[in-house]
């Protein structure tokens, strides 16, 4: 079968690989769409310890069951698939911290989403694969995985209808966070960013926008929140300056959540009295759980989160390298690889 294979940083090529063979309880899907994630772009640029070439990237997958050895699934079922799952029985899982499970990545899709077909191992097929409604298009729900990560983040915050939430970052995840915060009842969502075309799209998502190129973010945020600062700040960019800025802006009793990985060997300057006297909470999250994936799918199916506001580019399988390269330049917002697209497809939607 055809797949876009990652051979080394900067080299992804269309190749032919062995079609996966099913074991008892597994299913095989024909990949219909796969989102291009920021982690795919990072791996393409510099590689990661978790991806040993040759490998197939892509994990934001929706598709159709074409072979099954599972009693739960039938050929023709349309599904969305989470690409990892916690064991469910270790101490961290039992404490409700499944994203910290030491076996989190032991059960994974095979190979990856930038391929024509994919094996879903038994545990994933049983606990992390969800049926897509017949009246919903694949494009409507292909963002379930990244949205689930945002849901996992906002669930850690004590958001209420009185809350002012600030999202720092206008990338795909920052923009999705605006929708996750609103879905959890935030009263007002502010977003700051620096990319003009993304800020333009954010006008349809956030209540207030701050262009960090031309405005002083701290003073503008203070103005918009009556001088107190936001109740909750989500730092959706990997910059220490943004994290520091969040700690300076958050209101007493507020929460700062660091979302996404920062470069190695960096440290954050922290005034302990900000934590002690102002009762500020500093939090972090990574990944998502199957129930959060299911909630994300439900929000997308219902239209409460509209994928069309985020998906800006569509590529065929032979153009994956081009899609990743364009992603390094922050072109558009969210790109998808369409396995049914004609060869050479690279279009703006």
Protein backbone atom coordinates (compact mmCIF):
# COMPACT_ATOMS: atom_id res chain seq x y z
CA UNK A 1 0.00 0.00 0.00
CA UNK A 2 1.07 3.62 -0.47
CA UNK A 3 2.31 5.74 2.41
CA UNK A 4 4.20 8.98 2.97
CA UNK A 5 7.31 7.70 4.76
CA UNK A 6 9.53 9.77 7.06
CA UNK A 7 13.14 8.73 6.39
CA UNK A 8 15.02 11.47 8.22
CA UNK A 9 14.51 15.12 9.17
CA UNK A 10 13.55 17.02 6.04
CA UNK A 11 12.85 13.87 4.02
CA UNK A 12 9.34 12.45 3.60
CA UNK A 13 8.62 10.55 0.40
CA UNK A 14 5.76 8.58 -1.08
CA UNK A 15 6.64 4.88 -0.91
CA UNK A 16 5.10 1.41 -0.92
CA UNK A 17 5.00 -0.42 2.41
CA UNK A 18 3.59 -3.69 3.68
CA UNK A 19 -0.10 -3.64 4.52
CA UNK A 20 -0.60 -4.38 8.23
CA UNK A 21 -1.85 -7.83 9.25
CA UNK A 22 -4.60 -8.12 11.85
CA UNK A 23 -4.48 -10.05 15.10
CA UNK A 24 -7.49 -11.14 17.14
CA UNK A 25 -9.59 -8.12 18.19
CA UNK A 26 -7.95 -5.75 15.69
CA UNK A 27 -9.60 -3.79 12.91
CA UNK A 28 -8.21 -2.32 9.71
CA UNK A 29 -9.43 0.98 8.35
CA UNK A 30 -9.09 2.75 5.06
CA UNK A 31 -7.83 6.18 6.01
CA UNK A 32 -10.11 8.86 4.59
CA UNK A 33 -8.63 11.99 6.16
CA UNK A 34 -5.70 12.71 8.44
CA UNK A 35 -4.92 16.08 10.00
CA UNK A 36 -1.43 17.55 9.89
CA UNK A 37 -0.38 18.12 13.50
CA UNK A 38 2.26 20.46 14.89
CA UNK A 39 4.08 17.40 16.24
CA UNK A 40 4.23 15.97 12.70
CA UNK A 41 5.84 19.22 11.57
CA UNK A 42 8.35 19.16 14.46
CA UNK A 43 9.28 15.57 13.65
CA UNK A 44 9.73 16.46 9.99
CA UNK A 45 12.05 19.34 10.91
CA UNK A 46 14.27 17.73 13.55
CA UNK A 47 13.04 14.22 14.37
CA UNK A 48 12.04 12.94 17.81
CA UNK A 49 13.26 10.12 20.06
CA UNK A 50 9.79 8.55 19.75
CA UNK A 51 9.85 8.23 15.97
CA UNK A 52 12.44 5.84 14.56
CA UNK A 53 12.76 6.13 10.76
CA UNK A 54 11.53 4.81 8.47
CA UNK A 55 8.13 5.66 9.92
CA UNK A 56 4.72 6.93 8.89
CA UNK A 57 3.59 10.11 10.62
CA UNK A 58 0.01 11.31 11.11
CA UNK A 59 -2.38 10.49 13.94
CA UNK A 60 -5.49 12.69 13.54
CA UNK A 61 -7.37 9.97 11.71
CA UNK A 62 -10.88 9.29 10.47
CA UNK A 63 -11.70 6.42 8.14
CA UNK A 64 -13.77 3.39 7.22
CA UNK A 65 -13.46 -0.15 8.56
CA UNK A 66 -12.44 -2.49 5.71
CA UNK A 67 -11.48 -5.59 7.72
CA UNK A 68 -12.39 -6.63 11.24
CA UNK A 69 -11.47 -9.27 13.78
CA UNK A 70 -13.42 -7.45 16.48
CA UNK A 71 -17.03 -8.22 17.46
CA UNK A 72 -17.55 -4.49 18.10
CA UNK A 73 -16.95 -3.32 14.52
CA UNK A 74 -18.29 -4.20 11.10
CA UNK A 75 -16.95 -3.52 7.63
CA UNK A 76 -18.25 -0.18 6.44
CA UNK A 77 -18.35 1.45 9.88
CA UNK A 78 -17.12 5.05 9.76
CA UNK A 79 -14.84 5.77 12.70
CA UNK A 80 -12.60 8.32 14.41
CA UNK A 81 -9.56 6.88 16.17
CA UNK A 82 -7.45 8.07 19.10
CA UNK A 83 -3.83 7.08 18.48
CA UNK A 84 -2.92 5.96 22.01
CA UNK A 85 -4.64 4.81 25.17
CA UNK A 86 -3.70 4.44 28.86
CA UNK A 87 -3.60 0.97 30.39
CA UNK A 88 -6.45 1.77 32.79
CA UNK A 89 -5.10 -0.29 35.72
CA UNK A 90 -1.87 1.36 36.91
CA UNK A 91 -1.82 3.71 39.91
CA UNK A 92 -1.83 6.83 37.72
CA UNK A 93 -4.77 5.59 35.67
CA UNK A 94 -6.69 4.69 38.82
CA UNK A 95 -5.99 8.20 40.16
CA UNK A 96 -7.58 9.68 37.02
CA UNK A 97 -4.23 10.70 35.52
CA UNK A 98 -4.24 8.44 32.48
CA UNK A 99 -2.20 10.83 30.32
CA UNK A 100 0.73 10.10 32.66
CA UNK A 101 0.35 6.32 32.28
CA UNK A 102 3.79 4.74 31.73
CA UNK A 103 2.23 2.50 29.07
CA UNK A 104 0.42 5.31 27.26
CA UNK A 105 2.14 4.73 23.91
CA UNK A 106 2.41 0.94 24.12
CA UNK A 107 -0.86 0.54 22.18
CA UNK A 108 -0.66 2.60 19.00
CA UNK A 109 -2.08 2.83 15.51
CA UNK A 110 -0.07 0.93 12.88
CA UNK A 111 1.57 2.47 10.94
CA UNK A 112 0.34 6.11 10.94
CA UNK A 113 -2.33 8.22 9.31
CA UNK A 114 -0.36 9.25 6.21
CA UNK A 115 -1.02 5.83 4.68
CA UNK A 116 -3.83 4.24 2.72
CA UNK A 117 -4.72 1.74 5.44
CA UNK A 118 -4.06 1.36 9.13
CA UNK A 119 -4.33 -1.36 11.77
CA UNK A 120 -6.13 -0.42 14.98
CA UNK A 121 -4.94 -2.78 17.77
CA UNK A 122 -7.55 -4.51 19.92
CA UNK A 123 -7.38 -2.18 22.94
CA UNK A 124 -7.68 0.90 20.74
CA UNK A 125 -10.48 -0.72 18.75
CA UNK A 126 -12.40 -1.44 21.95
CA UNK A 127 -11.74 1.69 24.03
CA UNK A 128 -10.49 4.48 21.77
CA UNK A 129 -12.35 4.11 18.47
CA UNK A 130 -15.69 5.83 18.03
CA UNK A 131 -18.40 5.63 15.41
CA UNK A 132 -19.11 8.71 13.30
CA UNK A 133 -22.75 9.55 12.67
CA UNK A 134 -23.94 8.71 9.16
CA UNK A 135 -25.12 12.27 8.52
CA UNK A 136 -21.73 13.80 9.38
CA UNK A 137 -18.85 14.22 6.93
CA UNK A 138 -15.32 13.09 7.71
CA UNK A 139 -14.15 16.67 7.38
CA UNK A 140 -16.51 17.77 10.17
CA UNK A 141 -14.87 15.45 12.70
CA UNK A 142 -11.22 15.11 11.64
CA UNK A 143 -10.22 17.59 14.37
CA UNK A 144 -11.41 15.29 17.18
CA UNK A 145 -7.88 14.45 18.36
CA UNK A 146 -6.49 18.00 18.68
CA UNK A 147 -9.77 19.25 20.14
CA UNK A 148 -9.62 16.44 22.73
CA UNK A 149 -6.22 17.73 23.88
CA UNK A 150 -7.76 21.18 24.38
CA UNK A 151 -10.66 19.67 26.30
CA UNK A 152 -8.23 17.81 28.54
CA UNK A 153 -6.57 21.17 29.25
CA UNK A 154 -9.66 23.24 30.00
CA UNK A 155 -11.07 20.51 32.23
CA UNK A 156 -8.23 21.26 34.65
CA UNK A 157 -9.41 24.86 34.99
CA UNK A 158 -12.28 26.02 37.20
CA UNK A 159 -14.05 27.81 34.34
CA UNK A 160 -17.47 29.33 35.06
CA UNK A 161 -19.85 31.73 33.26
CA UNK A 162 -18.14 34.56 35.19
CA UNK A 163 -14.71 33.59 33.89
CA UNK A 164 -12.46 35.68 31.70
CA UNK A 165 -10.18 33.32 29.78
CA UNK A 166 -7.10 34.49 27.87
CA UNK A 167 -5.54 32.24 25.24
CA UNK A 168 -1.99 33.20 24.30
CA UNK A 169 -1.26 31.94 20.80
CA UNK A 170 -3.10 32.04 17.48
CA UNK A 171 -1.95 28.70 16.10
CA UNK A 172 -4.39 25.85 15.45
CA UNK A 173 -4.33 24.74 19.09
CA UNK A 174 -4.72 28.26 20.43
CA UNK A 175 -7.74 28.79 18.20
CA UNK A 176 -9.23 25.44 19.20
CA UNK A 177 -8.76 26.39 22.85
CA UNK A 178 -11.11 29.32 22.37
CA UNK A 179 -13.83 26.88 21.39
CA UNK A 180 -13.04 24.43 24.17
CA UNK A 181 -13.19 27.24 26.75
CA UNK A 182 -16.56 28.38 25.41
CA UNK A 183 -17.87 24.81 25.40
CA UNK A 184 -17.02 24.65 29.11
CA UNK A 185 -18.98 27.81 29.84
CA UNK A 186 -16.44 30.64 29.83
CA UNK A 187 -18.08 34.05 29.99
CA UNK A 188 -15.50 35.90 27.91
CA UNK A 189 -12.62 34.54 25.82
CA UNK A 190 -9.72 36.75 24.79
CA UNK A 191 -6.97 35.73 22.39
CA UNK A 192 -3.56 37.28 21.73
CA UNK A 193 -1.39 36.45 18.76
CA UNK A 194 0.98 37.73 16.12
CA UNK A 195 -0.03 36.11 12.81
CA UNK A 196 -2.31 38.43 10.77
CA UNK A 197 -4.27 35.81 8.80
CA UNK A 198 -4.85 33.71 11.92
CA UNK A 199 -5.97 36.71 13.93
CA UNK A 200 -8.37 37.50 11.11
CA UNK A 201 -9.94 34.03 11.46
CA UNK A 202 -9.95 34.37 15.24
CA UNK A 203 -12.48 37.19 14.92
CA UNK A 204 -15.09 34.48 14.43
CA UNK A 205 -13.95 32.55 17.52
CA UNK A 206 -12.87 34.82 20.38
CA UNK A 207 -14.76 37.69 22.02
CA UNK A 208 -11.73 40.00 21.96
CA UNK A 209 -8.48 39.92 19.99
CA UNK A 210 -5.12 41.43 20.86
CA UNK A 211 -2.51 41.89 18.14
CA UNK A 212 0.79 41.47 19.97
CA UNK A 213 2.59 43.12 17.04
CA UNK A 214 0.94 46.47 17.66
CA UNK A 215 -0.57 46.39 21.15
CA UNK A 216 0.83 46.04 24.64
CA UNK A 217 -0.71 42.74 25.64
CA UNK A 218 -0.54 43.22 29.41
CA UNK A 219 -2.15 46.66 29.47
CA UNK A 220 -4.79 45.67 26.89
CA UNK A 221 -5.73 42.55 28.83
CA UNK A 222 -5.97 44.56 32.05
CA UNK A 223 -8.29 47.02 30.31
CA UNK A 224 -10.51 44.26 28.97
CA UNK A 225 -10.81 42.60 32.37
CA UNK A 226 -11.54 45.69 34.45
CA UNK A 227 -7.99 45.92 35.75
CA UNK A 228 -7.99 42.55 37.49
CA UNK A 229 -6.51 40.34 34.79
CA UNK A 230 -7.98 37.08 33.46
CA UNK A 231 -9.23 34.34 35.74
CA UNK A 232 -7.62 31.70 33.53
CA UNK A 233 -4.76 31.94 31.03
CA UNK A 234 -3.87 29.17 28.57
CA UNK A 235 -0.35 29.52 27.17
CA UNK A 236 -0.61 27.77 23.79
CA UNK A 237 2.84 28.77 22.50
CA UNK A 238 6.24 27.30 23.50
CA UNK A 239 7.79 30.57 24.64
CA UNK A 240 8.97 31.28 28.17
CA UNK A 241 8.22 34.97 27.66
CA UNK A 242 4.55 34.12 27.17
CA UNK A 243 4.48 31.97 30.29
CA UNK A 244 6.11 34.76 32.29
CA UNK A 245 3.66 37.25 30.87
CA UNK A 246 0.76 35.02 31.90
CA UNK A 247 1.97 34.84 35.49
CA UNK A 248 2.25 38.63 35.54
CA UNK A 249 -1.26 39.13 34.13
CA UNK A 250 -3.40 36.54 35.90
CA UNK A 251 -5.75 37.82 38.59
CA UNK A 252 -5.47 36.82 42.26
CA UNK A 253 -6.93 33.35 42.69
CA UNK A 254 -6.46 32.73 38.96
CA UNK A 255 -4.95 29.85 37.01
CA UNK A 256 -2.18 29.67 34.41
CA UNK A 257 -2.03 26.55 32.25
CA UNK A 258 1.02 25.71 30.15
CA UNK A 259 -0.05 23.79 27.06
CA UNK A 260 2.46 22.27 24.68
CA UNK A 261 6.16 21.50 25.01
CA UNK A 262 8.85 24.09 25.66
CA UNK A 263 12.45 23.81 24.42
CA UNK A 264 14.73 21.78 26.67
CA UNK A 265 17.00 23.22 29.35
CA UNK A 266 14.91 26.30 30.04
CA UNK A 267 13.64 27.58 33.36
CA UNK A 268 10.81 29.84 34.36
CA UNK A 269 11.34 32.67 36.84
CA UNK A 270 8.66 32.44 39.50
CA UNK A 271 7.81 34.73 42.41
CA UNK A 272 6.67 32.28 45.13
CA UNK A 273 4.66 35.03 46.79
CA UNK A 274 2.49 35.22 43.67
CA UNK A 275 1.54 31.62 44.38
CA UNK A 276 1.30 32.03 48.15
CA UNK A 277 -0.36 35.40 48.73
CA UNK A 278 -2.36 35.62 45.48
CA UNK A 279 -3.27 31.90 45.51
CA UNK A 280 -2.38 31.61 41.82
CA UNK A 281 -2.25 28.09 40.41
CA UNK A 282 0.31 27.06 37.77
CA UNK A 283 -0.81 23.97 35.83
CA UNK A 284 0.23 21.87 32.86
CA UNK A 285 -1.43 19.26 30.68
CA UNK A 286 -0.45 16.85 27.94
CA UNK A 287 -2.50 14.71 25.58
CA UNK A 288 -6.04 13.51 26.20
CA UNK A 289 -8.11 10.55 27.37
CA UNK A 290 -10.60 8.46 25.37
CA UNK A 291 -13.61 10.07 27.06
CA UNK A 292 -12.28 13.51 26.07
CA UNK A 293 -11.83 12.31 22.51
CA UNK A 294 -15.46 11.17 22.51
CA UNK A 295 -16.61 14.54 23.85
CA UNK A 296 -14.59 16.30 21.13
CA UNK A 297 -16.24 14.12 18.51
CA UNK A 298 -19.67 14.99 19.93
CA UNK A 299 -18.94 18.74 19.86
CA UNK A 300 -17.81 18.50 16.23
CA UNK A 301 -20.76 16.35 15.16
CA UNK A 302 -23.19 18.77 16.78
CA UNK A 303 -21.58 21.81 15.13
CA UNK A 304 -20.79 23.44 18.47
CA UNK A 305 -17.24 23.44 17.17
CA UNK A 306 -17.13 24.12 13.42
CA UNK A 307 -14.17 22.42 11.71
CA UNK A 308 -14.59 24.63 8.64
CA UNK A 309 -13.36 27.60 10.66
CA UNK A 310 -10.02 25.86 11.16
CA UNK A 311 -9.29 23.71 8.10
CA UNK A 312 -7.68 25.88 5.42
CA UNK A 313 -5.62 23.51 3.24
CA UNK A 314 -6.11 20.08 1.65
CA UNK A 315 -3.38 17.83 0.24
CA UNK A 316 -3.13 14.47 -1.49
CA UNK A 317 -0.93 11.70 -0.07
CA UNK A 318 1.91 12.43 -2.48
CA UNK A 319 2.04 16.04 -1.23
CA UNK A 320 2.58 15.29 2.47
CA UNK A 321 6.17 16.57 2.39
CA UNK A 322 4.94 19.80 0.82
CA UNK A 323 2.21 20.10 3.46
CA UNK A 324 4.76 19.68 6.26
CA UNK A 325 7.13 22.19 4.68
CA UNK A 326 4.34 24.75 4.38
CA UNK A 327 3.45 24.06 7.99
CA UNK A 328 6.92 25.19 9.06
CA UNK A 329 6.07 28.59 7.57
CA UNK A 330 2.75 28.82 9.48
CA UNK A 331 0.79 29.01 6.24
CA UNK A 332 -2.95 28.77 6.79
CA UNK A 333 -4.32 27.33 10.01
CA UNK A 334 -5.03 23.60 9.81
CA UNK A 335 -4.19 21.26 6.93
CA UNK A 336 -5.63 17.84 6.15
CA UNK A 337 -4.39 15.00 3.97
CA UNK A 338 -7.22 13.58 1.87
CA UNK A 339 -6.52 10.03 0.75
CA UNK A 340 -9.17 10.31 -1.98
CA UNK A 341 -7.68 13.49 -3.48
CA UNK A 342 -6.17 13.34 -6.94
CA UNK A 343 -2.39 13.12 -7.11
CA UNK A 344 -0.79 16.55 -6.92
CA UNK A 345 -3.59 18.14 -4.89
CA UNK A 346 -2.44 21.10 -2.81
CA UNK A 347 -5.32 23.50 -2.43
CA UNK A 348 -6.53 26.24 -0.17
CA UNK A 349 -10.09 25.76 1.05
